[in-house]
Amino acid sequence: MKPAGVVRKVDQLGRIVLPKSLRKRYQMNEGDPVEILVQGDHIILERFRPRCVFCSSMDDIVDFKEKHICSECLREMNRALG
């Protein structure tokens, strides 16, 4: 992990502001979902990208009954039920 060289304080509500240069660089816009990950004693922010609930793939995701499923797992489900 490479440090960005930016220090921000946490406000009373626990918020921090991401600098515009970082938001622009990582294509993060107002209202975009952000995933918060913990790795050891590091907190990692990532743009949220849906993952398949079965295999964790991020490729070719479809929404099915408010769940994210990749097309391959959906095909396998259809074969199993078919």
PDB file of N, CA and C in Angstrom:
ATOM      1  N   MET A   1       0.845  -1.169   0.000  1.00  0.00           N
ATOM      2  CA  MET A   1       0.000   0.000   0.000  1.00  0.00           C
ATOM      3  C   MET A   1       0.895   1.238   0.000  1.00  0.00           C
ATOM      4  N   LYS A   2       0.652   2.132  -0.939  1.00  0.00           N
ATOM      5  CA  LYS A   2       1.458   3.340  -1.045  1.00  0.00           C
ATOM      6  C   LYS A   2       0.742   4.502  -0.365  1.00  0.00           C
ATOM      7  N   PRO A   3       1.399   5.217   0.555  1.00  0.00           N
ATOM      8  CA  PRO A   3       0.748   6.357   1.205  1.00  0.00           C
ATOM      9  C   PRO A   3       0.471   7.467   0.206  1.00  0.00           C
ATOM     10  N   ALA A   4      -0.668   8.144   0.384  1.00  0.00           N
ATOM     11  CA  ALA A   4      -1.046   9.236  -0.512  1.00  0.00           C
ATOM     12  C   ALA A   4      -0.443  10.558  -0.067  1.00  0.00           C
ATOM     13  N   GLY A   5       0.119  10.625   1.132  1.00  0.00           N
ATOM     14  CA  GLY A   5       0.711  11.859   1.618  1.00  0.00           C
ATOM     15  C   GLY A   5      -0.304  12.895   2.062  1.00  0.00           C
ATOM     16  N   VAL A   6      -1.525  12.453   2.366  1.00  0.00           N
ATOM     17  CA  VAL A   6      -2.596  13.352   2.784  1.00  0.00           C
ATOM     18  C   VAL A   6      -3.052  12.947   4.177  1.00  0.00           C
ATOM     19  N   VAL A   7      -3.188  13.920   5.067  1.00  0.00           N
ATOM     20  CA  VAL A   7      -3.676  13.652   6.417  1.00  0.00           C
ATOM     21  C   VAL A   7      -4.995  14.387   6.584  1.00  0.00           C
ATOM     22  N   ARG A   8      -6.003  13.701   7.086  1.00  0.00           N
ATOM     23  CA  ARG A   8      -7.309  14.295   7.361  1.00  0.00           C
ATOM     24  C   ARG A   8      -7.708  13.915   8.778  1.00  0.00           C
ATOM     25  N   LYS A   9      -8.446  14.803   9.444  1.00  0.00           N
ATOM     26  CA  LYS A   9      -8.966  14.513  10.780  1.00  0.00           C
ATOM     27  C   LYS A   9     -10.368  13.931  10.668  1.00  0.00           C
ATOM     28  N   VAL A  10     -10.702  13.068  11.607  1.00  0.00           N
ATOM     29  CA  VAL A  10     -12.041  12.506  11.697  1.00  0.00           C
ATOM     30  C   VAL A  10     -12.912  13.525  12.426  1.00  0.00           C
ATOM     31  N   ASP A  11     -14.108  13.827  11.877  1.00  0.00           N
ATOM     32  CA  ASP A  11     -14.968  14.816  12.537  1.00  0.00           C
ATOM     33  C   ASP A  11     -15.797  14.159  13.642  1.00  0.00           C
ATOM     34  N   GLN A  12     -16.665  14.935  14.286  1.00  0.00           N
ATOM     35  CA  GLN A  12     -17.451  14.442  15.430  1.00  0.00           C
ATOM     36  C   GLN A  12     -18.361  13.279  15.072  1.00  0.00           C
ATOM     37  N   LEU A  13     -18.749  13.182  13.810  1.00  0.00           N
ATOM     38  CA  LEU A  13     -19.626  12.091  13.378  1.00  0.00           C
ATOM     39  C   LEU A  13     -18.848  10.913  12.794  1.00  0.00           C
ATOM     40  N   GLY A  14     -17.521  10.965  12.884  1.00  0.00           N
ATOM     41  CA  GLY A  14     -16.690   9.864  12.396  1.00  0.00           C
ATOM     42  C   GLY A  14     -16.389   9.946  10.910  1.00  0.00           C
ATOM     43  N   ARG A  15     -16.641  11.088  10.296  1.00  0.00           N
ATOM     44  CA  ARG A  15     -16.434  11.234   8.852  1.00  0.00           C
ATOM     45  C   ARG A  15     -15.054  11.791   8.538  1.00  0.00           C
ATOM     46  N   ILE A  16     -14.573  11.445   7.358  1.00  0.00           N
ATOM     47  CA  ILE A  16     -13.384  12.071   6.802  1.00  0.00           C
ATOM     48  C   ILE A  16     -13.735  12.505   5.380  1.00  0.00           C
ATOM     49  N   VAL A  17     -13.009  13.491   4.888  1.00  0.00           N
ATOM     50  CA  VAL A  17     -13.219  13.954   3.516  1.00  0.00           C
ATOM     51  C   VAL A  17     -12.074  13.447   2.663  1.00  0.00           C
ATOM     52  N   LEU A  18     -12.411  12.763   1.567  1.00  0.00           N
ATOM     53  CA  LEU A  18     -11.385  12.327   0.628  1.00  0.00           C
ATOM     54  C   LEU A  18     -11.044  13.503  -0.277  1.00  0.00           C
ATOM     55  N   PRO A  19      -9.772  13.808  -0.435  1.00  0.00           N
ATOM     56  CA  PRO A  19      -9.402  14.928  -1.292  1.00  0.00           C
ATOM     57  C   PRO A  19      -9.922  14.738  -2.724  1.00  0.00           C
ATOM     58  N   LYS A  20     -10.274  15.860  -3.342  1.00  0.00           N
ATOM     59  CA  LYS A  20     -10.814  15.824  -4.700  1.00  0.00           C
ATOM     60  C   LYS A  20      -9.871  15.110  -5.664  1.00  0.00           C
ATOM     61  N   SER A  21      -8.562  15.327  -5.491  1.00  0.00           N
ATOM     62  CA  SER A  21      -7.595  14.692  -6.398  1.00  0.00           C
ATOM     63  C   SER A  21      -7.679  13.162  -6.321  1.00  0.00           C
ATOM     64  N   LEU A  22      -7.895  12.617  -5.113  1.00  0.00           N
ATOM     65  CA  LEU A  22      -8.032  11.160  -4.974  1.00  0.00           C
ATOM     66  C   LEU A  22      -9.357  10.671  -5.536  1.00  0.00           C
ATOM     67  N   ARG A  23     -10.437  11.428  -5.254  1.00  0.00           N
ATOM     68  CA  ARG A  23     -11.749  11.035  -5.796  1.00  0.00           C
ATOM     69  C   ARG A  23     -11.715  11.009  -7.317  1.00  0.00           C
ATOM     70  N   LYS A  24     -11.060  12.003  -7.900  1.00  0.00           N
ATOM     71  CA  LYS A  24     -10.964  12.077  -9.361  1.00  0.00           C
ATOM     72  C   LYS A  24     -10.106  10.931  -9.900  1.00  0.00           C
ATOM     73  N   ARG A  25      -8.966  10.715  -9.255  1.00  0.00           N
ATOM     74  CA  ARG A  25      -8.042   9.659  -9.701  1.00  0.00           C
ATOM     75  C   ARG A  25      -8.694   8.281  -9.677  1.00  0.00           C
ATOM     76  N   TYR A  26      -9.514   8.033  -8.646  1.00  0.00           N
ATOM     77  CA  TYR A  26     -10.137   6.713  -8.497  1.00  0.00           C
ATOM     78  C   TYR A  26     -11.605   6.704  -8.921  1.00  0.00           C
ATOM     79  N   GLN A  27     -12.006   7.733  -9.665  1.00  0.00           N
ATOM     80  CA  GLN A  27     -13.346   7.827 -10.247  1.00  0.00           C
ATOM     81  C   GLN A  27     -14.437   7.596  -9.204  1.00  0.00           C
ATOM     82  N   MET A  28     -14.330   8.316  -8.089  1.00  0.00           N
ATOM     83  CA  MET A  28     -15.325   8.236  -7.019  1.00  0.00           C
ATOM     84  C   MET A  28     -16.139   9.523  -7.046  1.00  0.00           C
ATOM     85  N   ASN A  29     -17.443   9.392  -7.276  1.00  0.00           N
ATOM     86  CA  ASN A  29     -18.327  10.542  -7.362  1.00  0.00           C
ATOM     87  C   ASN A  29     -19.273  10.587  -6.176  1.00  0.00           C
ATOM     88  N   GLU A  30     -19.850  11.759  -5.959  1.00  0.00           N
ATOM     89  CA  GLU A  30     -20.816  11.923  -4.874  1.00  0.00           C
ATOM     90  C   GLU A  30     -21.926  10.878  -5.026  1.00  0.00           C
ATOM     91  N   GLY A  31     -22.227  10.203  -3.941  1.00  0.00           N
ATOM     92  CA  GLY A  31     -23.282   9.200  -3.946  1.00  0.00           C
ATOM     93  C   GLY A  31     -22.824   7.794  -4.307  1.00  0.00           C
ATOM     94  N   ASP A  32     -21.592   7.645  -4.786  1.00  0.00           N
ATOM     95  CA  ASP A  32     -21.084   6.313  -5.127  1.00  0.00           C
ATOM     96  C   ASP A  32     -20.915   5.475  -3.865  1.00  0.00           C
ATOM     97  N   PRO A  33     -21.256   4.196  -3.921  1.00  0.00           N
ATOM     98  CA  PRO A  33     -21.024   3.335  -2.762  1.00  0.00           C
ATOM     99  C   PRO A  33     -19.531   3.044  -2.596  1.00  0.00           C
ATOM    100  N   VAL A  34     -19.082   3.014  -1.343  1.00  0.00           N
ATOM    101  CA  VAL A  34     -17.690   2.739  -1.004  1.00  0.00           C
ATOM    102  C   VAL A  34     -17.669   1.562  -0.042  1.00  0.00           C
ATOM    103  N   GLU A  35     -16.807   0.613  -0.320  1.00  0.00           N
ATOM    104  CA  GLU A  35     -16.665  -0.558   0.542  1.00  0.00           C
ATOM    105  C   GLU A  35     -15.522  -0.312   1.519  1.00  0.00           C
ATOM    106  N   ILE A  36     -15.749  -0.647   2.777  1.00  0.00           N
ATOM    107  CA  ILE A  36     -14.726  -0.476   3.820  1.00  0.00           C
ATOM    108  C   ILE A  36     -14.218  -1.865   4.197  1.00  0.00           C
ATOM    109  N   LEU A  37     -12.929  -2.083   3.977  1.00  0.00           N
ATOM    110  CA  LEU A  37     -12.311  -3.369   4.261  1.00  0.00           C
ATOM    111  C   LEU A  37     -11.286  -3.190   5.371  1.00  0.00           C
ATOM    112  N   VAL A  38     -11.066  -4.246   6.133  1.00  0.00           N
ATOM    113  CA  VAL A  38     -10.054  -4.227   7.187  1.00  0.00           C
ATOM    114  C   VAL A  38      -9.055  -5.334   6.887  1.00  0.00           C
ATOM    115  N   GLN A  39      -7.781  -4.961   6.885  1.00  0.00           N
ATOM    116  CA  GLN A  39      -6.717  -5.932   6.643  1.00  0.00           C
ATOM    117  C   GLN A  39      -5.662  -5.718   7.722  1.00  0.00           C
ATOM    118  N   GLY A  40      -5.643  -6.610   8.696  1.00  0.00           N
ATOM    119  CA  GLY A  40      -4.756  -6.414   9.838  1.00  0.00           C
ATOM    120  C   GLY A  40      -5.191  -5.165  10.585  1.00  0.00           C
ATOM    121  N   ASP A  41      -4.282  -4.215  10.754  1.00  0.00           N
ATOM    122  CA  ASP A  41      -4.678  -2.962  11.396  1.00  0.00           C
ATOM    123  C   ASP A  41      -4.776  -1.826  10.382  1.00  0.00           C
ATOM    124  N   HIS A  42      -5.080  -2.158   9.130  1.00  0.00           N
ATOM    125  CA  HIS A  42      -5.285  -1.168   8.069  1.00  0.00           C
ATOM    126  C   HIS A  42      -6.765  -1.114   7.694  1.00  0.00           C
ATOM    127  N   ILE A  43      -7.247   0.082   7.446  1.00  0.00           N
ATOM    128  CA  ILE A  43      -8.592   0.281   6.926  1.00  0.00           C
ATOM    129  C   ILE A  43      -8.444   0.662   5.465  1.00  0.00           C
ATOM    130  N   ILE A  44      -9.136  -0.060   4.586  1.00  0.00           N
ATOM    131  CA  ILE A  44      -9.003   0.146   3.147  1.00  0.00           C
ATOM    132  C   ILE A  44     -10.354   0.567   2.583  1.00  0.00           C
ATOM    133  N   LEU A  45     -10.356   1.632   1.815  1.00  0.00           N
ATOM    134  CA  LEU A  45     -11.566   2.089   1.132  1.00  0.00           C
ATOM    135  C   LEU A  45     -11.455   1.717  -0.339  1.00  0.00           C
ATOM    136  N   GLU A  46     -12.528   1.143  -0.893  1.00  0.00           N
ATOM    137  CA  GLU A  46     -12.558   0.791  -2.311  1.00  0.00           C
ATOM    138  C   GLU A  46     -13.894   1.209  -2.888  1.00  0.00           C
ATOM    139  N   ARG A  47     -13.884   1.559  -4.178  1.00  0.00           N
ATOM    140  CA  ARG A  47     -15.152   1.740  -4.858  1.00  0.00           C
ATOM    141  C   ARG A  47     -15.872   0.400  -4.792  1.00  0.00           C
ATOM    142  N   PHE A  48     -17.145   0.429  -4.438  1.00  0.00           N
ATOM    143  CA  PHE A  48     -17.894  -0.821  -4.326  1.00  0.00           C
ATOM    144  C   PHE A  48     -18.153  -1.398  -5.703  1.00  0.00           C
ATOM    145  N   ARG A  49     -17.837  -2.646  -5.865  1.00  0.00           N
ATOM    146  CA  ARG A  49     -18.176  -3.402  -7.074  1.00  0.00           C
ATOM    147  C   ARG A  49     -18.855  -4.682  -6.608  1.00  0.00           C
ATOM    148  N   PRO A  50     -20.080  -4.925  -7.061  1.00  0.00           N
ATOM    149  CA  PRO A  50     -20.794  -6.115  -6.600  1.00  0.00           C
ATOM    150  C   PRO A  50     -20.049  -7.400  -6.946  1.00  0.00           C
ATOM    151  N   ARG A  51     -20.135  -8.356  -6.027  1.00  0.00           N
ATOM    152  CA  ARG A  51     -19.511  -9.669  -6.210  1.00  0.00           C
ATOM    153  C   ARG A  51     -20.595 -10.732  -6.145  1.00  0.00           C
ATOM    154  N   CYS A  52     -20.375 -11.820  -6.834  1.00  0.00           N
ATOM    155  CA  CYS A  52     -21.302 -12.952  -6.806  1.00  0.00           C
ATOM    156  C   CYS A  52     -21.373 -13.509  -5.382  1.00  0.00           C
ATOM    157  N   VAL A  53     -22.587 -13.742  -4.897  1.00  0.00           N
ATOM    158  CA  VAL A  53     -22.753 -14.270  -3.538  1.00  0.00           C
ATOM    159  C   VAL A  53     -22.248 -15.704  -3.419  1.00  0.00           C
ATOM    160  N   PHE A  54     -22.075 -16.387  -4.547  1.00  0.00           N
ATOM    161  CA  PHE A  54     -21.635 -17.784  -4.505  1.00  0.00           C
ATOM    162  C   PHE A  54     -20.121 -17.933  -4.692  1.00  0.00           C
ATOM    163  N   CYS A  55     -19.556 -17.273  -5.703  1.00  0.00           N
ATOM    164  CA  CYS A  55     -18.145 -17.504  -6.025  1.00  0.00           C
ATOM    165  C   CYS A  55     -17.266 -16.264  -5.870  1.00  0.00           C
ATOM    166  N   SER A  56     -17.860 -15.133  -5.521  1.00  0.00           N
ATOM    167  CA  SER A  56     -17.158 -13.851  -5.328  1.00  0.00           C
ATOM    168  C   SER A  56     -16.618 -13.229  -6.609  1.00  0.00           C
ATOM    169  N   SER A  57     -16.977 -13.759  -7.755  1.00  0.00           N
ATOM    170  CA  SER A  57     -16.552 -13.171  -9.020  1.00  0.00           C
ATOM    171  C   SER A  57     -17.162 -11.782  -9.177  1.00  0.00           C
ATOM    172  N   MET A  58     -16.430 -10.898  -9.840  1.00  0.00           N
ATOM    173  CA  MET A  58     -16.945  -9.558 -10.127  1.00  0.00           C
ATOM    174  C   MET A  58     -17.276  -9.416 -11.617  1.00  0.00           C
ATOM    175  N   ASP A  59     -17.174 -10.511 -12.361  1.00  0.00           N
ATOM    176  CA  ASP A  59     -17.406 -10.490 -13.807  1.00  0.00           C
ATOM    177  C   ASP A  59     -18.849 -10.823 -14.141  1.00  0.00           C
ATOM    178  N   ASP A  60     -19.436 -10.035 -15.030  1.00  0.00           N
ATOM    179  CA  ASP A  60     -20.756 -10.310 -15.593  1.00  0.00           C
ATOM    180  C   ASP A  60     -21.804 -10.561 -14.508  1.00  0.00           C
ATOM    181  N   ILE A  61     -21.970  -9.612 -13.604  1.00  0.00           N
ATOM    182  CA  ILE A  61     -22.886  -9.724 -12.465  1.00  0.00           C
ATOM    183  C   ILE A  61     -24.292  -9.317 -12.874  1.00  0.00           C
ATOM    184  N   VAL A  62     -25.272 -10.109 -12.464  1.00  0.00           N
ATOM    185  CA  VAL A  62     -26.682  -9.765 -12.654  1.00  0.00           C
ATOM    186  C   VAL A  62     -27.350  -9.720 -11.282  1.00  0.00           C
ATOM    187  N   ASP A  63     -28.403  -8.941 -11.184  1.00  0.00           N
ATOM    188  CA  ASP A  63     -29.180  -8.884  -9.947  1.00  0.00           C
ATOM    189  C   ASP A  63     -30.321  -9.878 -10.037  1.00  0.00           C
ATOM    190  N   PHE A  64     -30.450 -10.713  -9.018  1.00  0.00           N
ATOM    191  CA  PHE A  64     -31.538 -11.690  -8.963  1.00  0.00           C
ATOM    192  C   PHE A  64     -32.113 -11.645  -7.562  1.00  0.00           C
ATOM    193  N   LYS A  65     -33.356 -11.184  -7.446  1.00  0.00           N
ATOM    194  CA  LYS A  65     -34.035 -11.070  -6.154  1.00  0.00           C
ATOM    195  C   LYS A  65     -33.166 -10.352  -5.122  1.00  0.00           C
ATOM    196  N   GLU A  66     -32.628  -9.204  -5.541  1.00  0.00           N
ATOM    197  CA  GLU A  66     -31.813  -8.331  -4.698  1.00  0.00           C
ATOM    198  C   GLU A  66     -30.484  -8.959  -4.259  1.00  0.00           C
ATOM    199  N   LYS A  67     -30.034  -9.967  -4.980  1.00  0.00           N
ATOM    200  CA  LYS A  67     -28.727 -10.588  -4.736  1.00  0.00           C
ATOM    201  C   LYS A  67     -27.902 -10.466  -6.006  1.00  0.00           C
ATOM    202  N   HIS A  68     -26.594 -10.372  -5.845  1.00  0.00           N
ATOM    203  CA  HIS A  68     -25.689 -10.296  -6.994  1.00  0.00           C
ATOM    204  C   HIS A  68     -25.190 -11.705  -7.313  1.00  0.00           C
ATOM    205  N   ILE A  69     -25.388 -12.108  -8.569  1.00  0.00           N
ATOM    206  CA  ILE A  69     -24.974 -13.439  -9.004  1.00  0.00           C
ATOM    207  C   ILE A  69     -24.290 -13.304 -10.357  1.00  0.00           C
ATOM    208  N   CYS A  70     -23.153 -13.986 -10.537  1.00  0.00           N
ATOM    209  CA  CYS A  70     -22.486 -13.946 -11.835  1.00  0.00           C
ATOM    210  C   CYS A  70     -23.247 -14.847 -12.801  1.00  0.00           C
ATOM    211  N   SER A  71     -23.089 -14.554 -14.077  1.00  0.00           N
ATOM    212  CA  SER A  71     -23.843 -15.298 -15.087  1.00  0.00           C
ATOM    213  C   SER A  71     -23.484 -16.785 -15.079  1.00  0.00           C
ATOM    214  N   GLU A  72     -22.235 -17.110 -14.743  1.00  0.00           N
ATOM    215  CA  GLU A  72     -21.834 -18.526 -14.703  1.00  0.00           C
ATOM    216  C   GLU A  72     -22.571 -19.279 -13.590  1.00  0.00           C
ATOM    217  N   CYS A  73     -22.638 -18.707 -12.391  1.00  0.00           N
ATOM    218  CA  CYS A  73     -23.351 -19.354 -11.285  1.00  0.00           C
ATOM    219  C   CYS A  73     -24.848 -19.435 -11.603  1.00  0.00           C
ATOM    220  N   LEU A  74     -25.383 -18.417 -12.270  1.00  0.00           N
ATOM    221  CA  LEU A  74     -26.797 -18.439 -12.653  1.00  0.00           C
ATOM    222  C   LEU A  74     -27.056 -19.569 -13.644  1.00  0.00           C
ATOM    223  N   ARG A  75     -26.143 -19.769 -14.603  1.00  0.00           N
ATOM    224  CA  ARG A  75     -26.283 -20.895 -15.546  1.00  0.00           C
ATOM    225  C   ARG A  75     -26.234 -22.228 -14.811  1.00  0.00           C
ATOM    226  N   GLU A  76     -25.307 -22.341 -13.842  1.00  0.00           N
ATOM    227  CA  GLU A  76     -25.207 -23.584 -13.069  1.00  0.00           C
ATOM    228  C   GLU A  76     -26.489 -23.851 -12.276  1.00  0.00           C
ATOM    229  N   MET A  77     -27.071 -22.790 -11.716  1.00  0.00           N
ATOM    230  CA  MET A  77     -28.330 -22.941 -10.976  1.00  0.00           C
ATOM    231  C   MET A  77     -29.434 -23.401 -11.916  1.00  0.00           C
ATOM    232  N   ASN A  78     -29.497 -22.824 -13.095  1.00  0.00           N
ATOM    233  CA  ASN A  78     -30.519 -23.208 -14.062  1.00  0.00           C
ATOM    234  C   ASN A  78     -30.364 -24.668 -14.490  1.00  0.00           C
ATOM    235  N   ARG A  79     -29.101 -25.117 -14.689  1.00  0.00           N
ATOM    236  CA  ARG A  79     -28.858 -26.527 -15.039  1.00  0.00           C
ATOM    237  C   ARG A  79     -29.279 -27.454 -13.909  1.00  0.00           C
ATOM    238  N   ALA A  80     -28.973 -27.059 -12.665  1.00  0.00           N
ATOM    239  CA  ALA A  80     -29.307 -27.895 -11.511  1.00  0.00           C
ATOM    240  C   ALA A  80     -30.829 -27.991 -11.316  1.00  0.00           C
ATOM    241  N   LEU A  81     -31.528 -26.925 -11.615  1.00  0.00           N
ATOM    242  CA  LEU A  81     -32.978 -26.930 -11.447  1.00  0.00           C
ATOM    243  C   LEU A  81     -33.725 -27.461 -12.649  1.00  0.00           C
ATOM    244  N   GLY A  82     -33.016 -27.499 -13.793  1.00  0.00           N
ATOM    245  CA  GLY A  82     -33.622 -27.775 -15.085  1.00  0.00           C
ATOM    246  C   GLY A  82     -34.024 -29.145 -15.339  1.00  0.00           C
TER     247      GLY A  82
END
